[in-house]
Structures are given as C-alpha cells and as structure tokens.
C-alpha atoms as a PDB file:
ATOM      1  CA  MET A   1       0.084   0.118   0.163  1.00  0.00           C
ATOM      2  CA  ALA A   2       2.778   2.599   0.705  1.00  0.00           C
ATOM      3  CA  ILE A   3       4.470   1.522  -2.460  1.00  0.00           C
ATOM      4  CA  GLY A   4       1.239   2.262  -4.310  1.00  0.00           C
ATOM      5  CA  ILE A   5       1.011   5.843  -2.675  1.00  0.00           C
ATOM      6  CA  ALA A   6       4.643   6.717  -3.383  1.00  0.00           C
ATOM      7  CA  LEU A   7       4.341   5.505  -6.758  1.00  0.00           C
ATOM      8  CA  PHE A   8       1.248   7.946  -7.121  1.00  0.00           C
ATOM      9  CA  PHE A   9       3.071  11.036  -5.825  1.00  0.00           C
ATOM     10  CA  LEU A  10       5.834  10.175  -7.747  1.00  0.00           C
ATOM     11  CA  VAL A  11       3.728  10.089 -11.353  1.00  0.00           C
ATOM     12  CA  ILE A  12       2.072  13.238 -10.212  1.00  0.00           C
ATOM     13  CA  THR A  13       5.565  15.043  -9.526  1.00  0.00           C
ATOM     14  CA  LEU A  14       6.759  13.633 -12.971  1.00  0.00           C
ATOM     15  CA  PHE A  15       3.582  15.142 -14.816  1.00  0.00           C
ATOM     16  CA  SER A  16       3.914  18.493 -12.875  1.00  0.00           C
ATOM     17  CA  ILE A  17       7.775  18.600 -14.175  1.00  0.00           C
ATOM     18  CA  ALA A  18       6.868  17.861 -17.511  1.00  0.00           C
ATOM     19  CA  GLY A  19       3.897  20.384 -17.865  1.00  0.00           C
ATOM     20  CA  ARG A  20       1.032  17.879 -18.060  1.00  0.00           C
ATOM     21  CA  THR A  21      -0.866  19.311 -15.197  1.00  0.00           C
ATOM     22  CA  ALA A  22      -3.559  22.043 -15.448  1.00  0.00           C
ATOM     23  CA  ASP A  23      -3.229  25.203 -13.597  1.00  0.00           C
ATOM     24  CA  THR A  24      -6.166  25.878 -11.864  1.00  0.00           C
ATOM     25  CA  ARG A  25      -5.719  28.980  -9.958  1.00  0.00           C
ATOM     26  CA  ASP A  26      -6.694  31.375 -12.575  1.00  0.00           C
ATOM     27  CA  SER A  27     -10.343  30.978 -11.578  1.00  0.00           C
ATOM     28  CA  ALA A  28     -11.831  30.557 -15.189  1.00  0.00           C
ATOM     29  CA  ASP A  29     -14.415  28.209 -14.149  1.00  0.00           C
ATOM     30  CA  TRP A  30     -16.144  31.124 -12.242  1.00  0.00           C
ATOM     31  CA  LYS A  31     -15.536  33.959 -14.763  1.00  0.00           C
ATOM     32  CA  PRO A  32     -19.062  34.608 -16.771  1.00  0.00           C
ATOM     33  CA  THR A  33     -19.036  33.931 -20.629  1.00  0.00           C
ATOM     34  CA  ASN A  34     -20.589  35.547 -23.594  1.00  0.00           C
ATOM     35  CA  ASP A  35     -21.702  32.502 -25.597  1.00  0.00           C
ATOM     36  CA  GLY A  36     -19.024  30.348 -24.129  1.00  0.00           C
ATOM     37  CA  SER A  37     -16.038  32.716 -24.919  1.00  0.00           C
ATOM     38  CA  ARG A  38     -14.191  35.020 -22.712  1.00  0.00           C
ATOM     39  CA  THR A  39     -12.769  38.206 -24.050  1.00  0.00           C
ATOM     40  CA  THR A  40     -10.249  38.799 -21.477  1.00  0.00           C
END
C-alpha cells in the first residue's frame, strides 16, 4: 500500500515537471462568458 501511494505521488510529480498538469488557480471556471467565450 505504501509503495502504491509513493508511486502515485511520483507520477504526479513527474507529470507536473513535464507540464502535463493544469493550473486551475486562474479561476477561469468562475468567470462569466459571452456565449462560451471570454474576452479577457
């Protein structure tokens, strides 16, 4: 079980280093849209 958890965090770390993770800190999912597009 401990090996599985360590492996999970290793995979997450590698994906983060490779740039394969999304940065959700921009709050884009909370901003209003005009028919699905944002102007800023």
